Amino acid sequence: MPRRQPARLRLRPGRPVARSQKPGSSSPTRHELRTPLAGIQVIAEQVAGSQSAEVDPRQRRRATLLMRETARTTRLVNDMLDIARIDSGMPLVVDTVDLGQLLDAELDRARMLAPQLTVRRTGHATVALRADPVRISQIVSNLLDNARRHTPPGGTITATLTVIA
């Protein structure tokens, strides 16, 4: 597949004035891959959640399976695009991170997205480490998203912050 060139806007020949993306960015690719998956996910959710007599139980089960597989495919696409960005030289911005604060922020997000669940935290209040805070937040967010997806309504998600020596 040919490599996509960054889009450029030219007002006069030979003088580029604006770029819509940085070289190496996967944003348009991410969008093009995720948009049809999102559409499939919405349709599957509508069929699975339909109370219509026209939708029989087998169709609901198939739609539920399609929802899970679409979510799995979306995660795989995101992972592959992230790996491609890292391989293309995406720099890590390493800094001192308070993992406790970062975890608390992500847990607050999980509580807002899943009010039907109990989200709690145990363990150390703070843990300092040298890492890229954006990447660590992304990892914690992905873990909590998975936990939300696989925890039944009324269930509990517990995040424990520990130090392993």
N, C-alpha and C. Protein backbone atom coordinates (compact mmCIF):
# COMPACT_ATOMS: atom_id res chain seq x y z
N MET A 1 0.85 -1.18 0.00
CA MET A 1 0.00 0.00 0.00
C MET A 1 0.89 1.24 0.00
N PRO A 2 0.66 2.20 -0.90
CA PRO A 2 1.52 3.38 -0.94
C PRO A 2 1.36 4.21 0.32
N ARG A 3 2.46 4.83 0.72
CA ARG A 3 2.43 5.67 1.92
C ARG A 3 1.69 6.96 1.61
N ARG A 4 0.80 7.32 2.49
CA ARG A 4 -0.02 8.53 2.33
C ARG A 4 0.85 9.76 2.59
N GLN A 5 0.78 10.72 1.71
CA GLN A 5 1.52 11.96 1.87
C GLN A 5 0.68 12.94 2.67
N PRO A 6 1.34 13.79 3.48
CA PRO A 6 0.58 14.78 4.25
C PRO A 6 -0.17 15.71 3.30
N ALA A 7 -1.41 16.04 3.68
CA ALA A 7 -2.20 16.97 2.87
C ALA A 7 -1.63 18.37 3.03
N ARG A 8 -1.62 19.13 1.97
CA ARG A 8 -1.10 20.50 2.00
C ARG A 8 -2.10 21.43 1.33
N LEU A 9 -2.17 22.61 1.83
CA LEU A 9 -2.99 23.65 1.23
C LEU A 9 -2.06 24.64 0.57
N ARG A 10 -2.27 24.93 -0.70
CA ARG A 10 -1.42 25.89 -1.42
C ARG A 10 -2.29 27.02 -1.93
N LEU A 11 -1.88 28.22 -1.60
CA LEU A 11 -2.58 29.38 -2.15
C LEU A 11 -1.93 29.83 -3.44
N ARG A 12 -0.61 29.67 -3.51
CA ARG A 12 0.12 30.00 -4.73
C ARG A 12 1.06 28.85 -5.04
N PRO A 13 1.26 28.54 -6.31
CA PRO A 13 2.14 27.43 -6.65
C PRO A 13 3.50 27.56 -5.98
N GLY A 14 3.98 26.42 -5.42
CA GLY A 14 5.31 26.39 -4.84
C GLY A 14 5.41 26.91 -3.42
N ARG A 15 4.31 27.39 -2.84
CA ARG A 15 4.37 27.94 -1.48
C ARG A 15 3.35 27.25 -0.58
N PRO A 16 3.74 26.17 0.07
CA PRO A 16 2.79 25.54 0.99
C PRO A 16 2.53 26.44 2.19
N VAL A 17 1.27 26.56 2.57
CA VAL A 17 0.94 27.41 3.71
C VAL A 17 0.43 26.65 4.92
N ALA A 18 -0.13 25.51 4.73
CA ALA A 18 -0.65 24.77 5.89
C ALA A 18 -0.61 23.28 5.61
N ARG A 19 -0.44 22.54 6.68
CA ARG A 19 -0.49 21.08 6.59
C ARG A 19 -1.60 20.60 7.50
N SER A 20 -2.31 19.61 7.04
CA SER A 20 -3.39 19.09 7.88
C SER A 20 -2.91 18.02 8.84
N GLN A 21 -1.70 17.49 8.63
CA GLN A 21 -1.18 16.50 9.55
C GLN A 21 0.33 16.50 9.50
N LYS A 22 0.93 16.02 10.58
CA LYS A 22 2.38 15.90 10.64
C LYS A 22 2.80 14.63 9.93
N PRO A 23 3.98 14.62 9.32
CA PRO A 23 4.44 13.38 8.73
C PRO A 23 4.53 12.30 9.80
N GLY A 24 4.12 11.08 9.44
CA GLY A 24 4.17 9.98 10.40
C GLY A 24 2.91 9.87 11.25
N SER A 25 2.01 10.84 11.14
CA SER A 25 0.78 10.80 11.93
C SER A 25 -0.16 9.76 11.34
N SER A 26 -0.86 9.05 12.19
CA SER A 26 -1.78 8.03 11.70
C SER A 26 -3.24 8.45 11.88
N SER A 27 -3.47 9.75 12.16
CA SER A 27 -4.83 10.20 12.44
C SER A 27 -5.80 9.91 11.30
N PRO A 28 -5.50 10.24 10.03
CA PRO A 28 -6.45 9.92 8.97
C PRO A 28 -6.66 8.40 8.83
N THR A 29 -5.60 7.63 8.96
CA THR A 29 -5.71 6.18 8.87
C THR A 29 -6.56 5.66 10.00
N ARG A 30 -6.32 6.15 11.21
CA ARG A 30 -7.10 5.74 12.38
C ARG A 30 -8.58 6.03 12.13
N HIS A 31 -8.86 7.22 11.62
CA HIS A 31 -10.24 7.61 11.36
C HIS A 31 -10.88 6.71 10.31
N GLU A 32 -10.15 6.44 9.22
CA GLU A 32 -10.69 5.62 8.14
C GLU A 32 -10.94 4.19 8.59
N LEU A 33 -10.13 3.68 9.49
CA LEU A 33 -10.32 2.31 9.97
C LEU A 33 -11.40 2.22 11.05
N ARG A 34 -11.49 3.25 11.89
CA ARG A 34 -12.41 3.18 13.01
C ARG A 34 -13.84 3.54 12.63
N THR A 35 -14.04 4.40 11.63
CA THR A 35 -15.38 4.85 11.27
C THR A 35 -16.30 3.70 10.87
N PRO A 36 -15.89 2.80 9.96
CA PRO A 36 -16.80 1.69 9.65
C PRO A 36 -17.01 0.75 10.83
N LEU A 37 -16.00 0.58 11.66
CA LEU A 37 -16.15 -0.28 12.83
C LEU A 37 -17.17 0.33 13.80
N ALA A 38 -17.14 1.65 13.95
CA ALA A 38 -18.11 2.32 14.83
C ALA A 38 -19.52 2.14 14.29
N GLY A 39 -19.69 2.23 12.98
CA GLY A 39 -21.01 2.03 12.38
C GLY A 39 -21.53 0.63 12.61
N ILE A 40 -20.67 -0.36 12.43
CA ILE A 40 -21.05 -1.76 12.67
C ILE A 40 -21.44 -1.94 14.13
N GLN A 41 -20.66 -1.34 15.03
CA GLN A 41 -20.92 -1.45 16.47
C GLN A 41 -22.30 -0.88 16.81
N VAL A 42 -22.64 0.28 16.26
CA VAL A 42 -23.93 0.92 16.55
C VAL A 42 -25.09 0.05 16.06
N ILE A 43 -24.96 -0.47 14.85
CA ILE A 43 -26.04 -1.32 14.31
C ILE A 43 -26.20 -2.57 15.17
N ALA A 44 -25.09 -3.20 15.54
CA ALA A 44 -25.15 -4.40 16.38
C ALA A 44 -25.79 -4.08 17.73
N GLU A 45 -25.45 -2.93 18.32
CA GLU A 45 -26.05 -2.53 19.59
C GLU A 45 -27.55 -2.33 19.46
N GLN A 46 -27.97 -1.74 18.35
CA GLN A 46 -29.40 -1.53 18.14
C GLN A 46 -30.15 -2.85 18.01
N VAL A 47 -29.59 -3.80 17.27
CA VAL A 47 -30.23 -5.10 17.11
C VAL A 47 -30.24 -5.85 18.45
N ALA A 48 -29.09 -5.87 19.14
CA ALA A 48 -28.99 -6.59 20.41
C ALA A 48 -29.93 -6.02 21.46
N GLY A 49 -30.12 -4.71 21.45
CA GLY A 49 -30.96 -4.07 22.45
C GLY A 49 -32.42 -3.91 22.05
N SER A 50 -32.74 -4.35 20.84
CA SER A 50 -34.11 -4.19 20.34
C SER A 50 -35.08 -5.06 21.12
N GLN A 51 -36.22 -4.48 21.44
CA GLN A 51 -37.28 -5.23 22.11
C GLN A 51 -38.37 -5.64 21.11
N SER A 52 -38.11 -5.39 19.84
CA SER A 52 -39.06 -5.70 18.78
C SER A 52 -39.25 -7.21 18.64
N ALA A 53 -40.46 -7.59 18.35
CA ALA A 53 -40.77 -9.01 18.13
C ALA A 53 -40.13 -9.50 16.83
N GLU A 54 -39.74 -8.58 15.95
CA GLU A 54 -39.11 -8.95 14.69
C GLU A 54 -37.70 -9.50 14.88
N VAL A 55 -37.08 -9.20 16.04
CA VAL A 55 -35.73 -9.67 16.32
C VAL A 55 -35.81 -10.88 17.23
N ASP A 56 -35.46 -12.05 16.68
CA ASP A 56 -35.55 -13.27 17.49
C ASP A 56 -34.29 -13.42 18.35
N PRO A 57 -34.32 -14.29 19.36
CA PRO A 57 -33.18 -14.45 20.28
C PRO A 57 -31.87 -14.82 19.59
N ARG A 58 -31.93 -15.60 18.51
CA ARG A 58 -30.69 -15.94 17.78
C ARG A 58 -30.05 -14.70 17.17
N GLN A 59 -30.90 -13.80 16.63
CA GLN A 59 -30.37 -12.57 16.05
C GLN A 59 -29.74 -11.70 17.13
N ARG A 60 -30.35 -11.65 18.32
CA ARG A 60 -29.79 -10.88 19.43
C ARG A 60 -28.43 -11.45 19.84
N ARG A 61 -28.34 -12.78 19.94
CA ARG A 61 -27.06 -13.41 20.31
C ARG A 61 -25.99 -13.11 19.26
N ARG A 62 -26.38 -13.18 18.00
CA ARG A 62 -25.41 -12.87 16.93
C ARG A 62 -24.99 -11.40 16.99
N ALA A 63 -25.94 -10.53 17.25
CA ALA A 63 -25.62 -9.10 17.35
C ALA A 63 -24.70 -8.84 18.54
N THR A 64 -24.93 -9.54 19.65
CA THR A 64 -24.07 -9.40 20.83
C THR A 64 -22.66 -9.87 20.51
N LEU A 65 -22.56 -11.00 19.82
CA LEU A 65 -21.25 -11.50 19.40
C LEU A 65 -20.58 -10.50 18.45
N LEU A 66 -21.34 -9.96 17.52
CA LEU A 66 -20.80 -8.96 16.60
C LEU A 66 -20.30 -7.72 17.35
N MET A 67 -21.03 -7.32 18.39
CA MET A 67 -20.58 -6.17 19.21
C MET A 67 -19.24 -6.47 19.85
N ARG A 68 -19.10 -7.66 20.44
CA ARG A 68 -17.83 -8.03 21.09
C ARG A 68 -16.69 -8.09 20.08
N GLU A 69 -16.95 -8.70 18.93
CA GLU A 69 -15.89 -8.84 17.92
C GLU A 69 -15.52 -7.50 17.31
N THR A 70 -16.48 -6.61 17.15
CA THR A 70 -16.19 -5.28 16.63
C THR A 70 -15.35 -4.50 17.63
N ALA A 71 -15.70 -4.59 18.91
CA ALA A 71 -14.91 -3.91 19.95
C ALA A 71 -13.49 -4.48 19.97
N ARG A 72 -13.37 -5.79 19.85
CA ARG A 72 -12.04 -6.43 19.82
C ARG A 72 -11.24 -5.97 18.61
N THR A 73 -11.87 -5.91 17.45
CA THR A 73 -11.18 -5.46 16.24
C THR A 73 -10.76 -4.01 16.37
N THR A 74 -11.61 -3.18 16.95
CA THR A 74 -11.25 -1.77 17.15
C THR A 74 -10.02 -1.66 18.05
N ARG A 75 -9.98 -2.45 19.12
CA ARG A 75 -8.81 -2.43 20.01
C ARG A 75 -7.56 -2.88 19.26
N LEU A 76 -7.68 -3.93 18.44
CA LEU A 76 -6.53 -4.41 17.67
C LEU A 76 -6.04 -3.36 16.68
N VAL A 77 -6.96 -2.69 16.00
CA VAL A 77 -6.58 -1.62 15.07
C VAL A 77 -5.86 -0.51 15.81
N ASN A 78 -6.40 -0.11 16.95
CA ASN A 78 -5.75 0.94 17.75
C ASN A 78 -4.35 0.51 18.19
N ASP A 79 -4.23 -0.74 18.63
CA ASP A 79 -2.92 -1.25 19.05
C ASP A 79 -1.93 -1.25 17.90
N MET A 80 -2.37 -1.71 16.73
CA MET A 80 -1.47 -1.75 15.56
C MET A 80 -1.05 -0.34 15.15
N LEU A 81 -1.97 0.60 15.19
CA LEU A 81 -1.62 1.97 14.83
C LEU A 81 -0.68 2.59 15.86
N ASP A 82 -0.89 2.27 17.14
CA ASP A 82 0.03 2.76 18.17
C ASP A 82 1.43 2.18 17.97
N ILE A 83 1.50 0.89 17.65
CA ILE A 83 2.81 0.28 17.39
C ILE A 83 3.47 0.92 16.19
N ALA A 84 2.70 1.20 15.15
CA ALA A 84 3.26 1.85 13.96
C ALA A 84 3.79 3.24 14.31
N ARG A 85 3.07 3.97 15.16
CA ARG A 85 3.56 5.30 15.57
C ARG A 85 4.84 5.18 16.36
N ILE A 86 4.91 4.21 17.26
CA ILE A 86 6.12 4.02 18.06
C ILE A 86 7.28 3.64 17.15
N ASP A 87 7.03 2.71 16.21
CA ASP A 87 8.07 2.28 15.27
C ASP A 87 8.55 3.42 14.38
N SER A 88 7.67 4.39 14.13
CA SER A 88 8.07 5.50 13.26
C SER A 88 8.85 6.56 14.02
N GLY A 89 9.13 6.30 15.28
CA GLY A 89 9.96 7.23 16.03
C GLY A 89 9.21 8.17 16.94
N MET A 90 7.96 7.84 17.26
CA MET A 90 7.20 8.67 18.17
C MET A 90 7.95 8.74 19.50
N PRO A 91 8.36 9.90 19.92
CA PRO A 91 9.17 9.98 21.13
C PRO A 91 8.32 9.81 22.40
N LEU A 92 8.92 9.19 23.39
CA LEU A 92 8.31 9.14 24.71
C LEU A 92 8.76 10.38 25.46
N VAL A 93 7.86 10.98 26.19
CA VAL A 93 8.18 12.16 26.99
C VAL A 93 8.24 11.69 28.44
N VAL A 94 9.45 11.36 28.88
CA VAL A 94 9.63 10.79 30.21
C VAL A 94 9.74 11.90 31.23
N ASP A 95 8.99 11.72 32.31
CA ASP A 95 8.97 12.70 33.39
C ASP A 95 8.68 11.94 34.68
N THR A 96 8.80 12.61 35.81
CA THR A 96 8.42 12.00 37.08
C THR A 96 6.90 12.05 37.18
N VAL A 97 6.29 10.91 37.42
CA VAL A 97 4.84 10.78 37.43
C VAL A 97 4.41 10.27 38.79
N ASP A 98 3.37 10.88 39.35
CA ASP A 98 2.74 10.33 40.56
C ASP A 98 1.65 9.39 40.09
N LEU A 99 1.93 8.12 40.15
CA LEU A 99 1.00 7.12 39.66
C LEU A 99 -0.32 7.15 40.43
N GLY A 100 -0.27 7.55 41.70
CA GLY A 100 -1.50 7.66 42.49
C GLY A 100 -2.44 8.71 41.93
N GLN A 101 -1.91 9.89 41.61
CA GLN A 101 -2.74 10.95 41.03
C GLN A 101 -3.29 10.54 39.67
N LEU A 102 -2.42 9.93 38.87
CA LEU A 102 -2.83 9.49 37.54
C LEU A 102 -3.95 8.44 37.66
N LEU A 103 -3.79 7.49 38.55
CA LEU A 103 -4.79 6.45 38.76
C LEU A 103 -6.10 7.06 39.24
N ASP A 104 -6.03 8.00 40.18
CA ASP A 104 -7.24 8.65 40.68
C ASP A 104 -8.01 9.35 39.57
N ALA A 105 -7.30 10.03 38.68
CA ALA A 105 -7.94 10.73 37.56
C ALA A 105 -8.65 9.73 36.64
N GLU A 106 -7.99 8.62 36.34
CA GLU A 106 -8.60 7.62 35.46
C GLU A 106 -9.77 6.91 36.15
N LEU A 107 -9.68 6.72 37.46
CA LEU A 107 -10.80 6.12 38.19
C LEU A 107 -12.00 7.05 38.21
N ASP A 108 -11.76 8.36 38.34
CA ASP A 108 -12.86 9.34 38.26
C ASP A 108 -13.56 9.24 36.91
N ARG A 109 -12.77 9.11 35.85
CA ARG A 109 -13.33 8.97 34.50
C ARG A 109 -14.17 7.70 34.42
N ALA A 110 -13.66 6.60 34.95
CA ALA A 110 -14.41 5.33 34.92
C ALA A 110 -15.72 5.45 35.70
N ARG A 111 -15.69 6.16 36.82
CA ARG A 111 -16.92 6.35 37.62
C ARG A 111 -17.97 7.13 36.83
N MET A 112 -17.53 8.15 36.11
CA MET A 112 -18.47 8.95 35.31
C MET A 112 -19.03 8.13 34.16
N LEU A 113 -18.21 7.29 33.53
CA LEU A 113 -18.66 6.50 32.39
C LEU A 113 -19.50 5.31 32.78
N ALA A 114 -19.39 4.85 34.02
CA ALA A 114 -20.13 3.67 34.46
C ALA A 114 -20.72 3.88 35.84
N PRO A 115 -21.73 4.75 35.95
CA PRO A 115 -22.31 5.02 37.27
C PRO A 115 -23.00 3.80 37.88
N GLN A 116 -23.28 2.78 37.09
CA GLN A 116 -23.92 1.56 37.59
C GLN A 116 -22.92 0.64 38.28
N LEU A 117 -21.63 1.00 38.26
CA LEU A 117 -20.59 0.18 38.88
C LEU A 117 -20.00 0.90 40.09
N THR A 118 -19.47 0.13 41.02
CA THR A 118 -18.71 0.69 42.13
C THR A 118 -17.23 0.63 41.72
N VAL A 119 -16.58 1.77 41.73
CA VAL A 119 -15.16 1.83 41.36
C VAL A 119 -14.40 2.30 42.59
N ARG A 120 -13.47 1.47 43.06
CA ARG A 120 -12.73 1.83 44.27
C ARG A 120 -11.24 1.61 44.07
N ARG A 121 -10.49 2.20 45.00
CA ARG A 121 -9.03 2.16 44.92
C ARG A 121 -8.47 1.73 46.25
N THR A 122 -7.45 0.88 46.22
CA THR A 122 -6.77 0.46 47.44
C THR A 122 -5.27 0.57 47.21
N GLY A 123 -4.51 0.33 48.26
CA GLY A 123 -3.06 0.32 48.12
C GLY A 123 -2.42 1.65 48.46
N HIS A 124 -1.24 1.87 47.90
CA HIS A 124 -0.46 3.08 48.18
C HIS A 124 -1.18 4.34 47.68
N ALA A 125 -1.03 5.42 48.43
CA ALA A 125 -1.62 6.69 48.02
C ALA A 125 -0.83 7.30 46.87
N THR A 126 0.48 7.21 46.95
CA THR A 126 1.34 7.77 45.90
C THR A 126 2.46 6.79 45.57
N VAL A 127 2.84 6.80 44.32
CA VAL A 127 4.01 6.06 43.86
C VAL A 127 4.63 6.91 42.76
N ALA A 128 5.87 7.34 42.98
CA ALA A 128 6.56 8.15 41.98
C ALA A 128 7.39 7.24 41.08
N LEU A 129 7.34 7.51 39.78
CA LEU A 129 8.17 6.78 38.84
C LEU A 129 8.49 7.65 37.64
N ARG A 130 9.52 7.27 36.90
CA ARG A 130 9.90 7.97 35.67
C ARG A 130 9.24 7.25 34.51
N ALA A 131 8.35 7.95 33.81
CA ALA A 131 7.61 7.35 32.70
C ALA A 131 6.99 8.45 31.86
N ASP A 132 6.40 8.06 30.75
CA ASP A 132 5.64 8.99 29.91
C ASP A 132 4.22 9.02 30.47
N PRO A 133 3.79 10.13 31.08
CA PRO A 133 2.46 10.16 31.72
C PRO A 133 1.31 9.94 30.75
N VAL A 134 1.46 10.38 29.51
CA VAL A 134 0.39 10.18 28.53
C VAL A 134 0.23 8.70 28.22
N ARG A 135 1.33 8.01 28.01
CA ARG A 135 1.27 6.57 27.70
C ARG A 135 0.77 5.77 28.90
N ILE A 136 1.23 6.13 30.11
CA ILE A 136 0.77 5.41 31.31
C ILE A 136 -0.74 5.64 31.49
N SER A 137 -1.20 6.87 31.28
CA SER A 137 -2.65 7.15 31.37
C SER A 137 -3.42 6.31 30.36
N GLN A 138 -2.87 6.18 29.16
CA GLN A 138 -3.52 5.39 28.11
C GLN A 138 -3.62 3.92 28.54
N ILE A 139 -2.58 3.39 29.12
CA ILE A 139 -2.58 1.99 29.57
C ILE A 139 -3.62 1.79 30.67
N VAL A 140 -3.62 2.68 31.67
CA VAL A 140 -4.58 2.57 32.78
C VAL A 140 -6.01 2.73 32.25
N SER A 141 -6.21 3.68 31.34
CA SER A 141 -7.53 3.88 30.76
C SER A 141 -8.00 2.63 30.02
N ASN A 142 -7.12 2.01 29.24
CA ASN A 142 -7.49 0.78 28.52
C ASN A 142 -7.86 -0.34 29.48
N LEU A 143 -7.08 -0.49 30.56
CA LEU A 143 -7.38 -1.52 31.55
C LEU A 143 -8.75 -1.27 32.21
N LEU A 144 -9.01 -0.01 32.56
CA LEU A 144 -10.29 0.30 33.19
C LEU A 144 -11.45 0.16 32.20
N ASP A 145 -11.23 0.51 30.93
CA ASP A 145 -12.27 0.31 29.92
C ASP A 145 -12.62 -1.16 29.79
N ASN A 146 -11.60 -2.02 29.80
CA ASN A 146 -11.84 -3.46 29.74
C ASN A 146 -12.60 -3.93 30.98
N ALA A 147 -12.21 -3.43 32.14
CA ALA A 147 -12.88 -3.81 33.38
C ALA A 147 -14.35 -3.37 33.35
N ARG A 148 -14.61 -2.16 32.87
CA ARG A 148 -16.00 -1.68 32.77
C ARG A 148 -16.82 -2.56 31.83
N ARG A 149 -16.22 -2.90 30.71
CA ARG A 149 -16.91 -3.68 29.69
C ARG A 149 -17.28 -5.08 30.21
N HIS A 150 -16.45 -5.63 31.07
CA HIS A 150 -16.64 -7.01 31.51
C HIS A 150 -17.17 -7.14 32.94
N THR A 151 -17.57 -6.03 33.54
CA THR A 151 -18.15 -6.07 34.89
C THR A 151 -19.66 -5.88 34.76
N PRO A 152 -20.43 -6.79 35.32
CA PRO A 152 -21.89 -6.67 35.21
C PRO A 152 -22.41 -5.48 36.01
N PRO A 153 -23.57 -4.92 35.63
CA PRO A 153 -24.16 -3.82 36.39
C PRO A 153 -24.27 -4.19 37.87
N GLY A 154 -23.92 -3.24 38.72
CA GLY A 154 -23.93 -3.47 40.16
C GLY A 154 -22.62 -4.07 40.67
N GLY A 155 -21.72 -4.40 39.76
CA GLY A 155 -20.44 -4.99 40.13
C GLY A 155 -19.44 -3.96 40.62
N THR A 156 -18.27 -4.44 40.99
CA THR A 156 -17.23 -3.58 41.55
C THR A 156 -15.93 -3.74 40.77
N ILE A 157 -15.30 -2.62 40.50
CA ILE A 157 -13.95 -2.60 39.93
C ILE A 157 -13.04 -2.07 41.03
N THR A 158 -11.99 -2.81 41.34
CA THR A 158 -11.04 -2.38 42.36
C THR A 158 -9.67 -2.23 41.71
N ALA A 159 -9.08 -1.05 41.85
CA ALA A 159 -7.72 -0.80 41.37
C ALA A 159 -6.82 -0.71 42.59
N THR A 160 -5.78 -1.54 42.63
CA THR A 160 -4.86 -1.57 43.76
C THR A 160 -3.49 -1.11 43.28
N LEU A 161 -2.96 -0.07 43.93
CA LEU A 161 -1.64 0.46 43.58
C LEU A 161 -0.63 -0.11 44.57
N THR A 162 0.27 -0.93 44.07
CA THR A 162 1.31 -1.53 44.92
C THR A 162 2.66 -1.36 44.27
N VAL A 163 3.68 -1.50 45.09
CA VAL A 163 5.06 -1.47 44.61
C VAL A 163 5.62 -2.86 44.77
N ILE A 164 6.14 -3.41 43.70
CA ILE A 164 6.76 -4.73 43.75
C ILE A 164 8.26 -4.52 43.61
N ALA A 165 8.98 -4.91 44.64
CA ALA A 165 10.43 -4.68 44.64
C ALA A 165 11.17 -5.78 43.92
